[in-house]
C-alpha atoms as a PDB file:
ATOM      1  CA  MET A   1       0.000   0.000   0.000  1.00  0.00           C
ATOM      2  CA  SER A   2       1.425   3.380  -0.985  1.00  0.00           C
ATOM      3  CA  ILE A   3       1.459   6.236   1.512  1.00  0.00           C
ATOM      4  CA  PRO A   4      -0.743   9.122   0.334  1.00  0.00           C
ATOM      5  CA  LYS A   5       0.934  12.465  -0.206  1.00  0.00           C
ATOM      6  CA  CYS A   6      -0.079  15.099   2.291  1.00  0.00           C
ATOM      7  CA  PRO A   7      -1.921  17.999   0.606  1.00  0.00           C
ATOM      8  CA  GLU A   8      -0.058  21.308   0.562  1.00  0.00           C
ATOM      9  CA  LYS A   9      -3.142  23.110   1.856  1.00  0.00           C
ATOM     10  CA  LEU A  10      -5.818  21.915   4.244  1.00  0.00           C
ATOM     11  CA  PRO A  11      -9.461  22.000   3.152  1.00  0.00           C
ATOM     12  CA  GLU A  12     -11.211  25.329   3.776  1.00  0.00           C
ATOM     13  CA  ASN A  13     -13.688  23.799   6.227  1.00  0.00           C
ATOM     14  CA  ILE A  14     -10.777  22.698   8.450  1.00  0.00           C
ATOM     15  CA  LEU A  15      -8.884  25.994   8.114  1.00  0.00           C
ATOM     16  CA  GLY A  16     -12.119  27.813   8.972  1.00  0.00           C
ATOM     17  CA  LYS A  17     -12.308  25.925  12.268  1.00  0.00           C
ATOM     18  CA  ILE A  18      -8.723  26.956  13.095  1.00  0.00           C
ATOM     19  CA  VAL A  19      -9.682  30.585  12.438  1.00  0.00           C
ATOM     20  CA  ILE A  20     -12.645  30.211  14.809  1.00  0.00           C
ATOM     21  CA  ILE A  21     -10.405  28.707  17.502  1.00  0.00           C
ATOM     22  CA  GLY A  22      -8.008  31.638  17.029  1.00  0.00           C
ATOM     23  CA  GLU A  23     -10.861  34.120  17.454  1.00  0.00           C
ATOM     24  CA  LEU A  24     -12.102  32.318  20.555  1.00  0.00           C
ATOM     25  CA  TRP A  25      -8.631  32.344  22.114  1.00  0.00           C
ATOM     26  CA  LYS A  26      -8.103  36.025  21.318  1.00  0.00           C
ATOM     27  CA  GLY A  27     -11.223  36.921  23.297  1.00  0.00           C
ATOM     28  CA  SER A  28     -10.921  34.272  26.001  1.00  0.00           C
ATOM     29  CA  ASP A  29     -11.006  35.290  29.669  1.00  0.00           C
ATOM     30  CA  ILE A  30      -8.101  32.928  30.389  1.00  0.00           C
ATOM     31  CA  ASN A  31      -5.899  34.515  27.716  1.00  0.00           C
ATOM     32  CA  PRO A  32      -3.381  36.636  29.688  1.00  0.00           C
ATOM     33  CA  LYS A  33      -3.919  40.280  28.780  1.00  0.00           C
ATOM     34  CA  PHE A  34      -1.040  42.732  28.468  1.00  0.00           C
ATOM     35  CA  SER A  35      -1.498  46.301  29.683  1.00  0.00           C
ATOM     36  CA  LYS A  36      -1.712  48.468  26.558  1.00  0.00           C
ATOM     37  CA  ASN A  37       0.117  51.324  28.289  1.00  0.00           C
ATOM     38  CA  LEU A  38       2.913  49.020  29.406  1.00  0.00           C
ATOM     39  CA  VAL A  39       3.247  47.499  25.943  1.00  0.00           C
ATOM     40  CA  GLU A  40       3.622  51.023  24.531  1.00  0.00           C
ATOM     41  CA  GLU A  41       6.348  51.769  27.086  1.00  0.00           C
ATOM     42  CA  TRP A  42       8.237  48.618  26.089  1.00  0.00           C
ATOM     43  CA  ASP A  43       7.741  49.422  22.413  1.00  0.00           C
ATOM     44  CA  LYS A  44       9.371  52.843  22.881  1.00  0.00           C
ATOM     45  CA  LEU A  45      12.216  51.266  24.855  1.00  0.00           C
ATOM     46  CA  ILE A  46      12.896  48.599  22.205  1.00  0.00           C
ATOM     47  CA  MET A  47      12.867  51.195  19.406  1.00  0.00           C
ATOM     48  CA  SER A  48      15.314  53.398  21.320  1.00  0.00           C
ATOM     49  CA  TRP A  49      17.502  50.386  22.158  1.00  0.00           C
ATOM     50  CA  LYS A  50      17.568  49.360  18.491  1.00  0.00           C
ATOM     51  CA  ASP A  51      18.914  52.748  17.438  1.00  0.00           C
ATOM     52  CA  ASP A  52      21.562  53.137  20.148  1.00  0.00           C
ATOM     53  CA  LYS A  53      24.782  51.936  18.509  1.00  0.00           C
ATOM     54  CA  LYS A  54      26.495  51.553  21.890  1.00  0.00           C
ATOM     55  CA  MET A  55      23.964  48.937  23.054  1.00  0.00           C
ATOM     56  CA  PRO A  56      24.118  45.300  21.971  1.00  0.00           C
ATOM     57  CA  ILE A  57      21.188  43.893  20.036  1.00  0.00           C
ATOM     58  CA  ILE A  58      19.934  40.403  20.782  1.00  0.00           C
ATOM     59  CA  ILE A  59      19.336  37.847  18.036  1.00  0.00           C
ATOM     60  CA  ARG A  60      17.794  34.397  18.340  1.00  0.00           C
ATOM     61  CA  LYS A  61      19.827  31.995  16.271  1.00  0.00           C
ATOM     62  CA  SER A  62      19.541  28.220  16.240  1.00  0.00           C
ATOM     63  CA  GLY A  63      22.910  26.553  16.446  1.00  0.00           C
ATOM     64  CA  GLY A  64      24.655  29.612  17.876  1.00  0.00           C
ATOM     65  CA  ILE A  65      26.292  29.756  21.302  1.00  0.00           C
ATOM     66  CA  ARG A  66      23.740  31.412  23.569  1.00  0.00           C
ATOM     67  CA  GLY A  67      25.181  34.271  25.582  1.00  0.00           C
ATOM     68  CA  GLN A  68      28.066  34.831  23.176  1.00  0.00           C
ATOM     69  CA  GLU A  69      28.773  38.393  22.065  1.00  0.00           C
ATOM     70  CA  ILE A  70      29.857  38.944  18.462  1.00  0.00           C
ATOM     71  CA  ILE A  71      31.047  42.226  17.023  1.00  0.00           C
ATOM     72  CA  HIS A  72      29.217  42.934  13.764  1.00  0.00           C
ATOM     73  CA  LYS A  73      31.115  44.344  10.781  1.00  0.00           C
ATOM     74  CA  SER A  74      29.295  47.636  11.512  1.00  0.00           C
ATOM     75  CA  GLY A  75      30.883  47.671  14.979  1.00  0.00           C
ATOM     76  CA  ARG A  76      27.599  46.893  16.753  1.00  0.00           C
ATOM     77  CA  PRO A  77      27.731  44.222  19.488  1.00  0.00           C
ATOM     78  CA  ILE A  78      25.396  41.273  18.806  1.00  0.00           C
ATOM     79  CA  ILE A  79      24.297  38.824  21.518  1.00  0.00           C
ATOM     80  CA  ILE A  80      23.210  35.328  20.461  1.00  0.00           C
ATOM     81  CA  SER A  81      20.221  33.982  22.395  1.00  0.00           C
ATOM     82  CA  ASP A  82      17.348  31.540  22.374  1.00  0.00           C
ATOM     83  CA  ASN A  83      13.816  32.675  23.292  1.00  0.00           C
ATOM     84  CA  SER A  84      14.821  33.490  26.890  1.00  0.00           C
ATOM     85  CA  PRO A  85      15.116  37.292  26.617  1.00  0.00           C
ATOM     86  CA  ALA A  86      11.670  37.434  24.994  1.00  0.00           C
ATOM     87  CA  GLN A  87      10.256  35.318  27.844  1.00  0.00           C
ATOM     88  CA  TRP A  88      11.931  37.687  30.306  1.00  0.00           C
ATOM     89  CA  VAL A  89      10.253  40.694  28.649  1.00  0.00           C
ATOM     90  CA  CYS A  90       6.901  38.884  28.652  1.00  0.00           C
ATOM     91  CA  PHE A  91       7.288  38.005  32.340  1.00  0.00           C
ATOM     92  CA  LYS A  92       8.046  41.645  33.174  1.00  0.00           C
ATOM     93  CA  VAL A  93       5.058  42.893  31.161  1.00  0.00           C
ATOM     94  CA  LEU A  94       2.768  40.506  33.040  1.00  0.00           C
ATOM     95  CA  GLU A  95       4.310  41.773  36.300  1.00  0.00           C
ATOM     96  CA  GLU A  96       3.549  45.306  35.018  1.00  0.00           C
ATOM     97  CA  ILE A  97       7.211  46.303  35.150  1.00  0.00           C
ATOM     98  CA  SER A  98       8.991  48.456  32.595  1.00  0.00           C
ATOM     99  CA  TYR A  99      12.487  49.925  32.361  1.00  0.00           C
ATOM    100  CA  ASN A 100      14.215  52.899  30.819  1.00  0.00           C
ATOM    101  CA  LYS A 101      17.275  52.537  28.611  1.00  0.00           C
ATOM    102  CA  GLU A 102      19.731  53.382  31.381  1.00  0.00           C
ATOM    103  CA  GLN A 103      18.277  50.603  33.535  1.00  0.00           C
ATOM    104  CA  ILE A 104      18.607  48.130  30.662  1.00  0.00           C
ATOM    105  CA  ILE A 105      22.253  49.126  30.202  1.00  0.00           C
ATOM    106  CA  ASP A 106      22.810  48.453  33.909  1.00  0.00           C
ATOM    107  CA  LEU A 107      21.005  45.086  33.726  1.00  0.00           C
ATOM    108  CA  LEU A 108      23.166  44.045  30.754  1.00  0.00           C
ATOM    109  CA  LYS A 109      26.335  45.240  32.489  1.00  0.00           C
ATOM    110  CA  ASN A 110      25.473  43.126  35.530  1.00  0.00           C
ATOM    111  CA  ASP A 111      24.357  40.117  33.449  1.00  0.00           C
ATOM    112  CA  LYS A 112      20.749  40.209  34.702  1.00  0.00           C
ATOM    113  CA  ILE A 113      18.926  39.593  31.401  1.00  0.00           C
ATOM    114  CA  PRO A 114      18.685  35.865  30.549  1.00  0.00           C
ATOM    115  CA  MET A 115      20.015  34.869  27.136  1.00  0.00           C
ATOM    116  CA  SER A 116      19.486  31.111  27.410  1.00  0.00           C
ATOM    117  CA  PHE A 117      17.435  28.399  29.109  1.00  0.00           C
ATOM    118  CA  ALA A 118      20.649  26.680  30.203  1.00  0.00           C
ATOM    119  CA  ILE A 119      24.409  26.840  29.636  1.00  0.00           C
ATOM    120  CA  LYS A 120      26.402  23.902  28.333  1.00  0.00           C
ATOM    121  CA  ALA A 121      29.429  23.158  30.477  1.00  0.00           C
ATOM    122  CA  ASN A 122      31.789  23.255  27.470  1.00  0.00           C
ATOM    123  CA  GLU A 123      30.500  26.692  26.398  1.00  0.00           C
ATOM    124  CA  LYS A 124      30.641  28.531  29.722  1.00  0.00           C
ATOM    125  CA  ASP A 125      34.103  29.986  29.094  1.00  0.00           C
ATOM    126  CA  LYS A 126      33.114  31.156  25.590  1.00  0.00           C
ATOM    127  CA  ILE A 127      30.240  33.401  26.592  1.00  0.00           C
ATOM    128  CA  LYS A 128      29.885  36.849  28.108  1.00  0.00           C
ATOM    129  CA  TYR A 129      26.270  36.602  29.263  1.00  0.00           C
ATOM    130  CA  LYS A 130      25.695  33.690  31.637  1.00  0.00           C
ATOM    131  CA  CYS A 131      22.290  34.588  33.089  1.00  0.00           C
ATOM    132  CA  THR A 132      19.713  31.832  32.467  1.00  0.00           C
ATOM    133  CA  LEU A 133      15.920  32.056  32.357  1.00  0.00           C
ATOM    134  CA  GLY A 134      15.183  30.350  35.675  1.00  0.00           C
ATOM    135  CA  LYS A 135      12.234  31.923  37.506  1.00  0.00           C
ATOM    136  CA  TYR A 136      11.279  34.040  34.485  1.00  0.00           C
ATOM    137  CA  SER A 137      10.211  30.997  32.480  1.00  0.00           C
ATOM    138  CA  ILE A 138       6.745  31.378  30.973  1.00  0.00           C
ATOM    139  CA  ASN A 139       6.862  27.649  30.183  1.00  0.00           C
ATOM    140  CA  LYS A 140       7.056  26.738  33.888  1.00  0.00           C
ATOM    141  CA  ASN A 141       3.771  28.570  34.354  1.00  0.00           C
ATOM    142  CA  GLY A 142       2.114  26.427  31.670  1.00  0.00           C
ATOM    143  CA  TRP A 143       2.337  28.892  28.773  1.00  0.00           C
ATOM    144  CA  LYS A 144       4.072  28.989  25.433  1.00  0.00           C
ATOM    145  CA  LEU A 145       5.292  32.357  24.184  1.00  0.00           C
ATOM    146  CA  CYS A 146       4.631  32.782  20.463  1.00  0.00           C
ATOM    147  CA  HIS A 147       5.525  35.547  18.026  1.00  0.00           C
ATOM    148  CA  ILE A 148       3.103  36.964  15.481  1.00  0.00           C
ATOM    149  CA  ARG A 149       5.796  37.841  12.955  1.00  0.00           C
ATOM    150  CA  ASP A 150       8.684  35.456  12.355  1.00  0.00           C
ATOM    151  CA  ILE A 151      11.832  36.170  14.358  1.00  0.00           C
ATOM    152  CA  GLY A 152      14.142  33.612  12.736  1.00  0.00           C
ATOM    153  CA  LEU A 153      17.181  34.498  10.635  1.00  0.00           C
ATOM    154  CA  LYS A 154      16.599  33.067   7.176  1.00  0.00           C
ATOM    155  CA  SER A 155      20.210  33.374   6.088  1.00  0.00           C
ATOM    156  CA  SER A 156      23.171  31.023   5.731  1.00  0.00           C
ATOM    157  CA  LYS A 157      25.570  33.925   6.379  1.00  0.00           C
ATOM    158  CA  GLN A 158      27.472  34.377   9.618  1.00  0.00           C
ATOM    159  CA  VAL A 159      25.665  36.800  11.925  1.00  0.00           C
ATOM    160  CA  ASN A 160      28.388  39.427  11.618  1.00  0.00           C
ATOM    161  CA  GLU A 161      27.928  39.424   7.821  1.00  0.00           C
ATOM    162  CA  ILE A 162      24.132  39.897   7.787  1.00  0.00           C
ATOM    163  CA  ASP A 163      22.916  43.428   7.062  1.00  0.00           C
ATOM    164  CA  ILE A 164      22.617  45.303  10.366  1.00  0.00           C
ATOM    165  CA  VAL A 165      19.224  46.679   9.272  1.00  0.00           C
ATOM    166  CA  ASP A 166      17.893  43.117   9.049  1.00  0.00           C
ATOM    167  CA  LEU A 167      19.373  42.222  12.440  1.00  0.00           C
ATOM    168  CA  LYS A 168      17.791  45.257  14.075  1.00  0.00           C
ATOM    169  CA  GLU A 169      14.424  44.300  12.615  1.00  0.00           C
ATOM    170  CA  LYS A 170      14.700  40.741  13.976  1.00  0.00           C
ATOM    171  CA  PHE A 171      15.776  42.125  17.362  1.00  0.00           C
ATOM    172  CA  CYS A 172      12.615  44.214  17.545  1.00  0.00           C
ATOM    173  CA  LEU A 173      10.417  41.277  16.549  1.00  0.00           C
ATOM    174  CA  LEU A 174      12.084  39.069  19.181  1.00  0.00           C
ATOM    175  CA  MET A 175      11.851  41.537  22.057  1.00  0.00           C
ATOM    176  CA  ASN A 176       8.783  43.703  21.428  1.00  0.00           C
ATOM    177  CA  PRO A 177       5.635  42.571  23.310  1.00  0.00           C
ATOM    178  CA  LYS A 178       3.570  43.952  20.426  1.00  0.00           C
ATOM    179  CA  ASN A 179       4.742  40.823  18.603  1.00  0.00           C
ATOM    180  CA  PHE A 180       3.867  38.405  21.462  1.00  0.00           C
ATOM    181  CA  PHE A 181       0.947  36.200  22.317  1.00  0.00           C
ATOM    182  CA  LEU A 182       0.571  33.390  24.837  1.00  0.00           C
ATOM    183  CA  ILE A 183      -1.203  30.062  24.512  1.00  0.00           C
ATOM    184  CA  PRO A 184      -1.388  27.056  26.842  1.00  0.00           C
ATOM    185  CA  LYS A 185       1.714  24.915  26.415  1.00  0.00           C
ATOM    186  CA  ALA A 186      -0.510  21.830  26.117  1.00  0.00           C
ATOM    187  CA  ILE A 187      -1.758  23.077  22.721  1.00  0.00           C
ATOM    188  CA  GLY A 188       1.377  25.027  21.817  1.00  0.00           C
ATOM    189  CA  GLY A 189       1.615  23.616  18.302  1.00  0.00           C
ATOM    190  CA  ILE A 190      -1.404  25.598  17.139  1.00  0.00           C
ATOM    191  CA  GLY A 191       0.574  28.776  17.788  1.00  0.00           C
ATOM    192  CA  GLU A 192       2.627  27.962  14.674  1.00  0.00           C
ATOM    193  CA  ILE A 193      -0.365  27.914  12.301  1.00  0.00           C
ATOM    194  CA  LYS A 194      -0.813  31.054  10.181  1.00  0.00           C
ATOM    195  CA  GLU A 195      -4.621  31.052  10.353  1.00  0.00           C
ATOM    196  CA  PHE A 196      -4.473  30.961  14.163  1.00  0.00           C
ATOM    197  CA  ILE A 197      -1.669  33.537  14.402  1.00  0.00           C
ATOM    198  CA  ASN A 198      -3.558  36.009  12.210  1.00  0.00           C
ATOM    199  CA  GLN A 199      -6.382  36.126  14.762  1.00  0.00           C
ATOM    200  CA  GLN A 200      -3.985  37.182  17.544  1.00  0.00           C
ATOM    201  CA  LYS A 201      -3.020  40.450  15.869  1.00  0.00           C
ATOM    202  CA  SER A 202      -4.250  43.625  17.536  1.00  0.00           C
ATOM    203  CA  LYS A 203      -7.525  44.845  16.102  1.00  0.00           C
END
């Protein structure tokens, strides 16, 4: 018996149900709500951070050494991370805490912003930022943090060779709570489906 080929697109009646689920989750009472004022404060901070050449920008890159600082060809410091700094921002937003740029500089200087879930023993001496997610984990509270717009680097180039404009854009998408939504970890896979994601955008 031959294995049938999976269709490239699901039938409309199934996609329609995913859209409905997305709408229901968007308006659900158990969907954690972010303070609009606080989100605006974080948005302004992230935009200012992006444009300050003295401050490192954080990039999520699979296969990179989390917590490592790389100097871009433009001279801008780049920190490699997983999703930990985004979870940290999300945790702070839910705690209704915001920072100014000077406070962020101090937190970075004192290694207080997590760049990874965990550090591999053989990488500890290669990294500058050793803070791990720990108590700021959204996952430990049963949630999965998703991004509305893709934050991944779709490039085979080394990070220090990618256009700095593109890196700054990905930094903003990674760190800006305007690009976040939460769903229960138990159904986390649905947060990767376009038809569901589209319903989580601000309206």
